[in-house]
Amino acid sequence: MTQISLEQDTYLDQIADAICRRGLRLPTLIALDAGRPLAFLGGQFLWLSQPALSLFLPDQEIRQAAQLLENPDALAALTARLEAR
C-alpha cells in the first residue's frame, strides 16, 4: 500500500481548502468518485503534457497534481477531507 508523504499531506490540505473556498466541494466529490478508475491515466497525462503546461503553471504544481492522481491513498485522503467539511 502506498503511503502519503508529509508534502502530499500538506498539498491535500491546500487543495481541499481551495475547493471548499470556491464552493466546489460537492462537484469535486462526484468527480473523484466517478473518475477514480481513470485517475492514474490523468496523472500520466499530466506527466506527458508537463512541458506545455509549465508555460502556464509552476513545475511543482504539475508534479504534485500528477503524484496525487497516481496515488489511490492520496485520492482517498482528499475525498475524506472533503467529506469531513
Protein backbone atom coordinates (compact mmCIF):
# COMPACT_ATOMS: atom_id res chain seq x y z
CA MET A 1 0.00 0.00 0.00
CA THR A 2 1.27 3.44 -0.91
CA GLN A 3 1.90 5.91 1.88
CA ILE A 4 1.11 9.61 1.84
CA SER A 5 4.17 11.78 2.33
CA LEU A 6 4.19 14.88 4.51
CA GLU A 7 4.49 17.00 1.36
CA GLN A 8 1.41 15.31 -0.13
CA ASP A 9 -0.48 15.73 3.14
CA THR A 10 0.17 19.47 3.09
CA TYR A 11 -0.78 19.64 -0.59
CA LEU A 12 -4.04 17.78 0.12
CA ASP A 13 -4.94 20.35 2.79
CA GLN A 14 -4.25 23.19 0.35
CA ILE A 15 -6.32 21.56 -2.40
CA ALA A 16 -9.22 20.81 -0.05
CA ASP A 17 -9.20 24.41 1.24
CA ALA A 18 -9.16 25.83 -2.29
CA ILE A 19 -12.00 23.56 -3.41
CA CYS A 20 -14.16 24.48 -0.41
CA ARG A 21 -13.43 28.22 -0.76
CA ARG A 22 -14.69 28.12 -4.32
CA GLY A 23 -17.83 26.19 -3.34
CA LEU A 24 -16.88 23.17 -5.44
CA ARG A 25 -16.90 20.54 -2.70
CA LEU A 26 -19.87 18.51 -3.98
CA PRO A 27 -18.92 18.57 -7.69
CA THR A 28 -15.37 17.56 -6.74
CA LEU A 29 -16.62 14.65 -4.64
CA ILE A 30 -18.77 13.47 -7.55
CA ALA A 31 -15.86 13.79 -9.98
CA LEU A 32 -13.49 11.97 -7.64
CA ASP A 33 -15.95 9.12 -7.23
CA ALA A 34 -16.82 8.83 -10.92
CA GLY A 35 -13.27 9.33 -12.19
CA ARG A 36 -11.44 7.10 -9.76
CA PRO A 37 -10.72 4.38 -12.38
CA LEU A 38 -9.24 6.98 -14.74
CA ALA A 39 -7.24 8.96 -12.18
CA PHE A 40 -3.99 7.13 -12.90
CA LEU A 41 -4.32 7.95 -16.60
CA GLY A 42 -4.93 11.58 -15.69
CA GLY A 43 -1.66 11.60 -13.75
CA GLN A 44 0.16 10.10 -16.72
CA PHE A 45 -1.38 12.74 -18.98
CA LEU A 46 -0.04 15.47 -16.69
CA TRP A 47 3.46 14.00 -16.85
CA LEU A 48 3.21 13.80 -20.64
CA SER A 49 1.93 17.35 -21.03
CA GLN A 50 4.21 18.87 -18.38
CA PRO A 51 6.47 20.68 -20.89
CA ALA A 52 3.48 22.54 -22.37
CA LEU A 53 1.73 23.08 -19.05
CA SER A 54 4.89 24.51 -17.50
CA LEU A 55 4.37 27.58 -19.67
CA PHE A 56 1.29 28.37 -17.56
CA LEU A 57 1.83 26.60 -14.22
CA PRO A 58 4.83 26.04 -11.96
CA ASP A 59 6.50 22.64 -12.43
CA GLN A 60 6.00 21.81 -8.75
CA GLU A 61 2.20 22.18 -9.01
CA ILE A 62 2.09 19.92 -12.06
CA ARG A 63 4.27 17.33 -10.33
CA GLN A 64 2.17 17.39 -7.15
CA ALA A 65 -1.08 17.06 -9.09
CA ALA A 66 0.29 14.14 -11.12
CA GLN A 67 1.52 12.36 -7.99
CA LEU A 68 -1.86 12.94 -6.33
CA LEU A 69 -3.72 11.37 -9.24
CA GLU A 70 -1.36 8.39 -9.34
CA ASN A 71 -1.76 7.60 -5.64
CA PRO A 72 -5.08 5.94 -4.69
CA ASP A 73 -4.40 6.57 -0.99
CA ALA A 74 -3.96 10.29 -1.62
CA LEU A 75 -7.23 10.43 -3.58
CA ALA A 76 -8.98 8.62 -0.74
CA ALA A 77 -7.49 11.08 1.76
CA LEU A 78 -8.66 14.04 -0.35
CA THR A 79 -12.15 12.55 -0.54
CA ALA A 80 -12.19 12.05 3.23
CA ARG A 81 -11.08 15.65 3.82
CA LEU A 82 -13.80 16.98 1.54
CA GLU A 83 -16.48 14.78 3.10
CA ALA A 84 -15.48 15.95 6.58
CA ARG A 85 -16.10 19.60 5.71
